PDB file of N, CA and C in Angstrom:
ATOM      1  N   UNK A   1     124.809  -1.146  92.504  1.00  0.00           N
ATOM      2  CA  UNK A   1     125.717  -2.130  91.610  1.00  0.00           C
ATOM      3  C   UNK A   1     125.981  -3.055  92.184  1.00  0.00           C
ATOM      4  N   UNK A   2     125.532  -4.088  91.279  1.00  0.00           N
ATOM      5  CA  UNK A   2     125.588  -5.460  91.838  1.00  0.00           C
ATOM      6  C   UNK A   2     126.866  -6.469  90.774  1.00  0.00           C
ATOM      7  N   UNK A   3     127.832  -7.174  91.613  1.00  0.00           N
ATOM      8  CA  UNK A   3     129.157  -8.005  90.754  1.00  0.00           C
ATOM      9  C   UNK A   3     127.972  -9.375  90.006  1.00  0.00           C
ATOM     10  N   UNK A   4     128.610  -9.145  88.997  1.00  0.00           N
ATOM     11  CA  UNK A   4     127.748 -10.296  88.336  1.00  0.00           C
ATOM     12  C   UNK A   4     128.895 -11.534  87.269  1.00  0.00           C
ATOM     13  N   UNK A   5     130.335 -10.636  87.380  1.00  0.00           N
ATOM     14  CA  UNK A   5     131.128 -12.230  87.388  1.00  0.00           C
ATOM     15  C   UNK A   5     132.355 -11.962  87.438  1.00  0.00           C
ATOM     16  N   UNK A   6     132.658 -13.309  87.953  1.00  0.00           N
ATOM     17  CA  UNK A   6     134.109 -12.794  87.859  1.00  0.00           C
ATOM     18  C   UNK A   6     135.227 -13.468  86.843  1.00  0.00           C
ATOM     19  N   UNK A   7     135.446 -12.826  86.284  1.00  0.00           N
ATOM     20  CA  UNK A   7     136.259 -13.183  85.093  1.00  0.00           C
ATOM     21  C   UNK A   7     137.821 -14.090  85.934  1.00  0.00           C
ATOM     22  N   UNK A   8     137.720 -14.743  85.018  1.00  0.00           N
ATOM     23  CA  UNK A   8     139.371 -16.018  85.452  1.00  0.00           C
ATOM     24  C   UNK A   8     140.392 -14.798  84.795  1.00  0.00           C
ATOM     25  N   UNK A   9     140.740 -14.138  84.520  1.00  0.00           N
ATOM     26  CA  UNK A   9     142.143 -13.155  84.464  1.00  0.00           C
ATOM     27  C   UNK A   9     141.392 -12.169  84.121  1.00  0.00           C
ATOM     28  N   UNK A  10     142.417 -10.950  84.026  1.00  0.00           N
ATOM     29  CA  UNK A  10     142.480  -9.588  83.193  1.00  0.00           C
ATOM     30  C   UNK A  10     142.259  -9.447  81.558  1.00  0.00           C
ATOM     31  N   UNK A  11     142.676 -10.653  81.088  1.00  0.00           N
ATOM     32  CA  UNK A  11     142.349 -10.045  79.616  1.00  0.00           C
ATOM     33  C   UNK A  11     140.767 -10.611  79.388  1.00  0.00           C
ATOM     34  N   UNK A  12     140.261 -12.034  80.057  1.00  0.00           N
ATOM     35  CA  UNK A  12     139.180 -12.192  80.027  1.00  0.00           C
ATOM     36  C   UNK A  12     137.936 -10.846  80.576  1.00  0.00           C
ATOM     37  N   UNK A  13     138.053 -10.412  81.746  1.00  0.00           N
ATOM     38  CA  UNK A  13     137.640  -9.072  81.732  1.00  0.00           C
ATOM     39  C   UNK A  13     137.380  -7.966  81.023  1.00  0.00           C
ATOM     40  N   UNK A  14     138.831  -7.877  80.653  1.00  0.00           N
ATOM     41  CA  UNK A  14     138.689  -6.606  79.589  1.00  0.00           C
ATOM     42  C   UNK A  14     137.952  -6.824  78.385  1.00  0.00           C
ATOM     43  N   UNK A  15     137.913  -8.268  77.556  1.00  0.00           N
ATOM     44  CA  UNK A  15     137.035  -8.233  76.480  1.00  0.00           C
ATOM     45  C   UNK A  15     135.426  -8.669  77.007  1.00  0.00           C
ATOM     46  N   UNK A  16     135.175  -8.652  77.963  1.00  0.00           N
ATOM     47  CA  UNK A  16     133.843  -8.670  78.364  1.00  0.00           C
ATOM     48  C   UNK A  16     133.430  -7.319  78.902  1.00  0.00           C
ATOM     49  N   UNK A  17     134.305  -6.861  79.433  1.00  0.00           N
ATOM     50  CA  UNK A  17     133.984  -5.315  79.651  1.00  0.00           C
ATOM     51  C   UNK A  17     133.584  -4.604  78.170  1.00  0.00           C
ATOM     52  N   UNK A  18     134.200  -5.005  77.164  1.00  0.00           N
ATOM     53  CA  UNK A  18     134.344  -4.161  76.068  1.00  0.00           C
ATOM     54  C   UNK A  18     132.894  -4.911  74.829  1.00  0.00           C
ATOM     55  N   UNK A  19     132.646  -5.925  75.164  1.00  0.00           N
ATOM     56  CA  UNK A  19     131.517  -6.939  74.809  1.00  0.00           C
ATOM     57  C   UNK A  19     130.493  -6.095  75.523  1.00  0.00           C
ATOM     58  N   UNK A  20     130.576  -6.138  76.797  1.00  0.00           N
ATOM     59  CA  UNK A  20     128.506  -5.190  77.515  1.00  0.00           C
ATOM     60  C   UNK A  20     128.935  -4.051  77.187  1.00  0.00           C
ATOM     61  N   UNK A  21     130.231  -3.028  77.077  1.00  0.00           N
ATOM     62  CA  UNK A  21     129.959  -2.094  76.368  1.00  0.00           C
ATOM     63  C   UNK A  21     129.408  -1.659  74.960  1.00  0.00           C
ATOM     64  N   UNK A  22     129.489  -2.651  74.166  1.00  0.00           N
ATOM     65  CA  UNK A  22     129.166  -2.733  72.653  1.00  0.00           C
ATOM     66  C   UNK A  22     127.398  -3.299  72.713  1.00  0.00           C
ATOM     67  N   UNK A  23     127.023  -3.479  73.755  1.00  0.00           N
ATOM     68  CA  UNK A  23     125.661  -3.805  73.657  1.00  0.00           C
ATOM     69  C   UNK A  23     124.569  -2.835  74.561  1.00  0.00           C
ATOM     70  N   UNK A  24     125.739  -1.718  75.181  1.00  0.00           N
ATOM     71  CA  UNK A  24     124.791  -0.763  75.843  1.00  0.00           C
ATOM     72  C   UNK A  24     124.651  -1.402  77.406  1.00  0.00           C
ATOM     73  N   UNK A  25     125.966  -1.945  77.639  1.00  0.00           N
ATOM     74  CA  UNK A  25     125.862  -2.459  79.575  1.00  0.00           C
ATOM     75  C   UNK A  25     127.064  -1.512  79.959  1.00  0.00           C
ATOM     76  N   UNK A  26     126.995  -0.422  80.899  1.00  0.00           N
ATOM     77  CA  UNK A  26     127.749   0.174  81.185  1.00  0.00           C
ATOM     78  C   UNK A  26     128.114  -0.316  82.873  1.00  0.00           C
ATOM     79  N   UNK A  27     129.667  -1.035  82.382  1.00  0.00           N
ATOM     80  CA  UNK A  27     130.253  -2.035  83.551  1.00  0.00           C
ATOM     81  C   UNK A  27     131.333  -1.539  84.021  1.00  0.00           C
ATOM     82  N   UNK A  28     131.706  -1.873  85.023  1.00  0.00           N
ATOM     83  CA  UNK A  28     133.495  -1.573  85.858  1.00  0.00           C
ATOM     84  C   UNK A  28     133.895  -3.134  86.051  1.00  0.00           C
ATOM     85  N   UNK A  29     135.106  -2.935  85.350  1.00  0.00           N
ATOM     86  CA  UNK A  29     136.059  -4.066  85.665  1.00  0.00           C
ATOM     87  C   UNK A  29     137.006  -3.609  87.122  1.00  0.00           C
ATOM     88  N   UNK A  30     136.704  -4.280  88.580  1.00  0.00           N
ATOM     89  CA  UNK A  30     137.222  -3.674  89.545  1.00  0.00           C
ATOM     90  C   UNK A  30     138.384  -5.137  89.919  1.00  0.00           C
ATOM     91  N   UNK A  31     139.282  -4.829  90.342  1.00  0.00           N
ATOM     92  CA  UNK A  31     140.287  -5.548  90.896  1.00  0.00           C
ATOM     93  C   UNK A  31     141.806  -6.048  90.020  1.00  0.00           C
ATOM     94  N   UNK A  32     141.922  -5.093  88.939  1.00  0.00           N
ATOM     95  CA  UNK A  32     142.911  -5.438  87.805  1.00  0.00           C
ATOM     96  C   UNK A  32     144.197  -4.778  88.720  1.00  0.00           C
ATOM     97  N   UNK A  33     143.708  -4.096  89.341  1.00  0.00           N
ATOM     98  CA  UNK A  33     145.120  -3.584  90.351  1.00  0.00           C
ATOM     99  C   UNK A  33     145.709  -4.152  91.077  1.00  0.00           C
ATOM    100  N   UNK A  34     145.388  -5.205  91.533  1.00  0.00           N
ATOM    101  CA  UNK A  34     145.520  -6.355  92.736  1.00  0.00           C
ATOM    102  C   UNK A  34     146.584  -7.349  91.922  1.00  0.00           C
ATOM    103  N   UNK A  35     146.333  -7.629  90.405  1.00  0.00           N
ATOM    104  CA  UNK A  35     146.734  -8.564  90.293  1.00  0.00           C
ATOM    105  C   UNK A  35     148.714  -8.706  90.024  1.00  0.00           C
ATOM    106  N   UNK A  36     148.896  -7.708  90.409  1.00  0.00           N
ATOM    107  CA  UNK A  36     150.145  -7.057  90.197  1.00  0.00           C
ATOM    108  C   UNK A  36     151.208  -7.857  91.302  1.00  0.00           C
ATOM    109  N   UNK A  37     150.402  -7.661  92.536  1.00  0.00           N
ATOM    110  CA  UNK A  37     151.030  -8.078  93.432  1.00  0.00           C
ATOM    111  C   UNK A  37     150.891  -9.753  93.779  1.00  0.00           C
ATOM    112  N   UNK A  38     150.419 -10.485  93.516  1.00  0.00           N
ATOM    113  CA  UNK A  38     149.867 -11.702  93.230  1.00  0.00           C
ATOM    114  C   UNK A  38     151.713 -12.402  92.413  1.00  0.00           C
ATOM    115  N   UNK A  39     151.287 -12.429  91.148  1.00  0.00           N
ATOM    116  CA  UNK A  39     152.514 -13.130  90.444  1.00  0.00           C
ATOM    117  C   UNK A  39     151.872 -13.872  89.827  1.00  0.00           C
ATOM    118  N   UNK A  40     152.405 -14.935  89.427  1.00  0.00           N
ATOM    119  CA  UNK A  40     151.894 -16.264  88.614  1.00  0.00           C
ATOM    120  C   UNK A  40     151.042 -17.052  89.399  1.00  0.00           C
ATOM    121  N   UNK A  41     150.586 -16.807  90.557  1.00  0.00           N
ATOM    122  CA  UNK A  41     149.410 -17.546  91.060  1.00  0.00           C
ATOM    123  C   UNK A  41     148.220 -16.970  90.978  1.00  0.00           C
ATOM    124  N   UNK A  42     147.454 -18.677  90.692  1.00  0.00           N
ATOM    125  CA  UNK A  42     145.944 -17.706  90.147  1.00  0.00           C
ATOM    126  C   UNK A  42     145.356 -17.099  91.192  1.00  0.00           C
ATOM    127  N   UNK A  43     144.615 -16.222  91.415  1.00  0.00           N
ATOM    128  CA  UNK A  43     143.651 -14.923  92.128  1.00  0.00           C
ATOM    129  C   UNK A  43     142.540 -15.177  91.722  1.00  0.00           C
ATOM    130  N   UNK A  44     142.283 -16.306  92.139  1.00  0.00           N
ATOM    131  CA  UNK A  44     140.431 -16.183  92.057  1.00  0.00           C
ATOM    132  C   UNK A  44     139.838 -15.589  93.127  1.00  0.00           C
ATOM    133  N   UNK A  45     138.819 -14.629  92.348  1.00  0.00           N
ATOM    134  CA  UNK A  45     137.651 -13.725  93.126  1.00  0.00           C
ATOM    135  C   UNK A  45     138.778 -12.629  93.238  1.00  0.00           C
ATOM    136  N   UNK A  46     139.527 -12.421  92.780  1.00  0.00           N
ATOM    137  CA  UNK A  46     139.956 -10.170  92.888  1.00  0.00           C
ATOM    138  C   UNK A  46     139.793  -9.933  91.598  1.00  0.00           C
ATOM    139  N   UNK A  47     139.352 -10.401  90.602  1.00  0.00           N
ATOM    140  CA  UNK A  47     138.360  -9.207  89.385  1.00  0.00           C
ATOM    141  C   UNK A  47     137.180  -9.948  89.621  1.00  0.00           C
ATOM    142  N   UNK A  48     136.143  -8.660  88.964  1.00  0.00           N
ATOM    143  CA  UNK A  48     134.629  -8.576  89.352  1.00  0.00           C
ATOM    144  C   UNK A  48     134.310  -7.728  88.158  1.00  0.00           C
ATOM    145  N   UNK A  49     132.877  -7.587  87.623  1.00  0.00           N
ATOM    146  CA  UNK A  49     131.997  -6.884  86.619  1.00  0.00           C
ATOM    147  C   UNK A  49     131.446  -6.649  87.410  1.00  0.00           C
ATOM    148  N   UNK A  50     131.251  -5.333  87.817  1.00  0.00           N
ATOM    149  CA  UNK A  50     130.083  -4.650  88.008  1.00  0.00           C
ATOM    150  C   UNK A  50     129.175  -3.640  87.089  1.00  0.00           C
ATOM    151  N   UNK A  51     127.555  -4.207  87.476  1.00  0.00           N
ATOM    152  CA  UNK A  51     126.845  -3.425  86.446  1.00  0.00           C
ATOM    153  C   UNK A  51     125.755  -2.711  87.632  1.00  0.00           C
ATOM    154  N   UNK A  52     124.957  -2.150  86.881  1.00  0.00           N
ATOM    155  CA  UNK A  52     123.487  -1.112  87.454  1.00  0.00           C
ATOM    156  C   UNK A  52     122.697  -2.625  87.730  1.00  0.00           C
ATOM    157  N   UNK A  53     122.306  -2.110  88.374  1.00  0.00           N
ATOM    158  CA  UNK A  53     120.690  -3.208  89.410  1.00  0.00           C
ATOM    159  C   UNK A  53     120.283  -3.924  88.144  1.00  0.00           C
ATOM    160  N   UNK A  54     119.634  -2.345  87.892  1.00  0.00           N
ATOM    161  CA  UNK A  54     118.698  -2.443  86.492  1.00  0.00           C
ATOM    162  C   UNK A  54     119.444  -3.476  85.226  1.00  0.00           C
ATOM    163  N   UNK A  55     120.546  -3.156  85.179  1.00  0.00           N
ATOM    164  CA  UNK A  55     121.409  -4.249  83.606  1.00  0.00           C
ATOM    165  C   UNK A  55     121.856  -5.098  84.222  1.00  0.00           C
ATOM    166  N   UNK A  56     121.698  -5.724  85.496  1.00  0.00           N
ATOM    167  CA  UNK A  56     122.266  -7.329  86.261  1.00  0.00           C
ATOM    168  C   UNK A  56     121.806  -8.302  85.098  1.00  0.00           C
ATOM    169  N   UNK A  57     120.291  -8.567  84.909  1.00  0.00           N
ATOM    170  CA  UNK A  57     119.903  -9.834  84.337  1.00  0.00           C
ATOM    171  C   UNK A  57     120.570  -9.575  83.231  1.00  0.00           C
ATOM    172  N   UNK A  58     120.476  -8.793  82.405  1.00  0.00           N
ATOM    173  CA  UNK A  58     120.658  -8.572  80.965  1.00  0.00           C
ATOM    174  C   UNK A  58     122.149  -8.718  80.858  1.00  0.00           C
ATOM    175  N   UNK A  59     122.822  -8.186  81.576  1.00  0.00           N
ATOM    176  CA  UNK A  59     124.237  -8.765  81.372  1.00  0.00           C
ATOM    177  C   UNK A  59     124.669  -9.872  81.869  1.00  0.00           C
ATOM    178  N   UNK A  60     124.185 -10.409  82.569  1.00  0.00           N
ATOM    179  CA  UNK A  60     124.017 -12.027  83.162  1.00  0.00           C
ATOM    180  C   UNK A  60     123.463 -12.694  81.412  1.00  0.00           C
ATOM    181  N   UNK A  61     122.771 -12.487  81.288  1.00  0.00           N
ATOM    182  CA  UNK A  61     122.068 -12.881  80.156  1.00  0.00           C
ATOM    183  C   UNK A  61     123.207 -13.278  78.735  1.00  0.00           C
ATOM    184  N   UNK A  62     123.750 -11.438  78.769  1.00  0.00           N
ATOM    185  CA  UNK A  62     124.896 -11.838  77.439  1.00  0.00           C
ATOM    186  C   UNK A  62     126.219 -12.327  77.819  1.00  0.00           C
ATOM    187  N   UNK A  63     126.631 -12.593  78.927  1.00  0.00           N
ATOM    188  CA  UNK A  63     127.913 -13.401  79.262  1.00  0.00           C
ATOM    189  C   UNK A  63     127.600 -14.296  79.132  1.00  0.00           C
ATOM    190  N   UNK A  64     126.176 -15.259  79.670  1.00  0.00           N
ATOM    191  CA  UNK A  64     126.101 -16.450  79.184  1.00  0.00           C
ATOM    192  C   UNK A  64     126.268 -16.781  77.715  1.00  0.00           C
ATOM    193  N   UNK A  65     125.874 -16.273  76.904  1.00  0.00           N
ATOM    194  CA  UNK A  65     125.904 -16.191  75.765  1.00  0.00           C
ATOM    195  C   UNK A  65     127.135 -16.216  75.011  1.00  0.00           C
ATOM    196  N   UNK A  66     127.775 -15.015  75.908  1.00  0.00           N
ATOM    197  CA  UNK A  66     129.288 -15.139  74.777  1.00  0.00           C
ATOM    198  C   UNK A  66     129.752 -16.597  75.162  1.00  0.00           C
ATOM    199  N   UNK A  67     129.826 -17.259  76.559  1.00  0.00           N
ATOM    200  CA  UNK A  67     130.365 -18.106  77.137  1.00  0.00           C
ATOM    201  C   UNK A  67     130.163 -19.166  76.213  1.00  0.00           C
ATOM    202  N   UNK A  68     128.930 -19.604  75.624  1.00  0.00           N
ATOM    203  CA  UNK A  68     128.385 -20.781  75.135  1.00  0.00           C
ATOM    204  C   UNK A  68     129.153 -20.208  73.667  1.00  0.00           C
ATOM    205  N   UNK A  69     129.254 -19.433  73.235  1.00  0.00           N
ATOM    206  CA  UNK A  69     129.432 -18.976  71.933  1.00  0.00           C
ATOM    207  C   UNK A  69     130.369 -20.517  71.716  1.00  0.00           C
ATOM    208  N   UNK A  70     130.191 -21.119  69.989  1.00  0.00           N
ATOM    209  CA  UNK A  70     130.864 -21.921  69.027  1.00  0.00           C
ATOM    210  C   UNK A  70     131.498 -21.324  68.175  1.00  0.00           C
ATOM    211  N   UNK A  71     132.852 -21.507  67.547  1.00  0.00           N
ATOM    212  CA  UNK A  71     132.832 -21.362  65.991  1.00  0.00           C
ATOM    213  C   UNK A  71     132.265 -21.908  64.823  1.00  0.00           C
ATOM    214  N   UNK A  72     131.922 -20.955  64.478  1.00  0.00           N
ATOM    215  CA  UNK A  72     131.215 -21.440  62.985  1.00  0.00           C
ATOM    216  C   UNK A  72     131.494 -22.282  62.380  1.00  0.00           C
ATOM    217  N   UNK A  73     130.935 -23.363  62.032  1.00  0.00           N
ATOM    218  CA  UNK A  73     131.767 -24.764  61.160  1.00  0.00           C
ATOM    219  C   UNK A  73     132.125 -24.053  59.754  1.00  0.00           C
ATOM    220  N   UNK A  74     133.538 -24.737  59.601  1.00  0.00           N
ATOM    221  CA  UNK A  74     134.483 -23.971  58.307  1.00  0.00           C
ATOM    222  C   UNK A  74     135.053 -22.677  58.892  1.00  0.00           C
ATOM    223  N   UNK A  75     134.893 -22.450  59.711  1.00  0.00           N
ATOM    224  CA  UNK A  75     135.410 -21.691  60.325  1.00  0.00           C
ATOM    225  C   UNK A  75     137.427 -22.075  60.529  1.00  0.00           C
ATOM    226  N   UNK A  76     137.706 -23.237  60.876  1.00  0.00           N
ATOM    227  CA  UNK A  76     138.823 -23.680  61.407  1.00  0.00           C
ATOM    228  C   UNK A  76     139.575 -23.882  60.347  1.00  0.00           C
ATOM    229  N   UNK A  77     140.728 -23.501  60.814  1.00  0.00           N
ATOM    230  CA  UNK A  77     142.112 -23.519  59.843  1.00  0.00           C
ATOM    231  C   UNK A  77     142.411 -25.352  58.947  1.00  0.00           C
ATOM    232  N   UNK A  78     142.992 -25.153  58.085  1.00  0.00           N
ATOM    233  CA  UNK A  78     143.520 -26.526  57.468  1.00  0.00           C
ATOM    234  C   UNK A  78     144.308 -26.679  58.358  1.00  0.00           C
ATOM    235  N   UNK A  79     144.175 -28.578  58.458  1.00  0.00           N
ATOM    236  CA  UNK A  79     144.691 -29.098  59.311  1.00  0.00           C
ATOM    237  C   UNK A  79     144.689 -29.022  60.870  1.00  0.00           C
ATOM    238  N   UNK A  80     144.214 -28.303  61.407  1.00  0.00           N
ATOM    239  CA  UNK A  80     143.566 -27.642  62.669  1.00  0.00           C
ATOM    240  C   UNK A  80     142.120 -28.030  62.928  1.00  0.00           C
ATOM    241  N   UNK A  81     141.362 -29.268  62.480  1.00  0.00           N
ATOM    242  CA  UNK A  81     140.071 -28.733  63.009  1.00  0.00           C
ATOM    243  C   UNK A  81     139.322 -28.968  64.127  1.00  0.00           C
ATOM    244  N   UNK A  82     139.270 -28.109  64.760  1.00  0.00           N
ATOM    245  CA  UNK A  82     138.557 -27.558  65.986  1.00  0.00           C
ATOM    246  C   UNK A  82     139.033 -26.660  66.890  1.00  0.00           C
ATOM    247  N   UNK A  83     140.252 -26.278  65.953  1.00  0.00           N
ATOM    248  CA  UNK A  83     141.002 -25.559  66.948  1.00  0.00           C
ATOM    249  C   UNK A  83     141.071 -23.615  66.180  1.00  0.00           C
ATOM    250  N   UNK A  84     141.213 -22.701  66.866  1.00  0.00           N
ATOM    251  CA  UNK A  84     140.937 -21.242  66.581  1.00  0.00           C
ATOM    252  C   UNK A  84     142.423 -20.764  66.368  1.00  0.00           C
ATOM    253  N   UNK A  85     143.056 -20.426  65.398  1.00  0.00           N
ATOM    254  CA  UNK A  85     144.522 -20.012  65.800  1.00  0.00           C
ATOM    255  C   UNK A  85     144.304 -18.248  65.666  1.00  0.00           C
ATOM    256  N   UNK A  86     144.472 -17.424  65.956  1.00  0.00           N
ATOM    257  CA  UNK A  86     144.912 -16.030  66.677  1.00  0.00           C
ATOM    258  C   UNK A  86     145.914 -15.116  66.144  1.00  0.00           C
TER     259      UNK A  86
END
């Protein structure tokens, strides 16, 4: 297995884990159990996404495409151009 990406927080890690699973890539998120001991301090390097060696390049490509995505023009709410409200 290879560590292919370090999410900045648990939410990003879980979203990427789900995205990879939807694309047929079996991935594992490690380090989530360590975050409770850190509190409000940034904990860089604790989280990691692992995939099998044969899926590593494909998973890196999927994550790069995911991170490069932008909202479609016209999807912005009125009065808040360029801002996504969830």
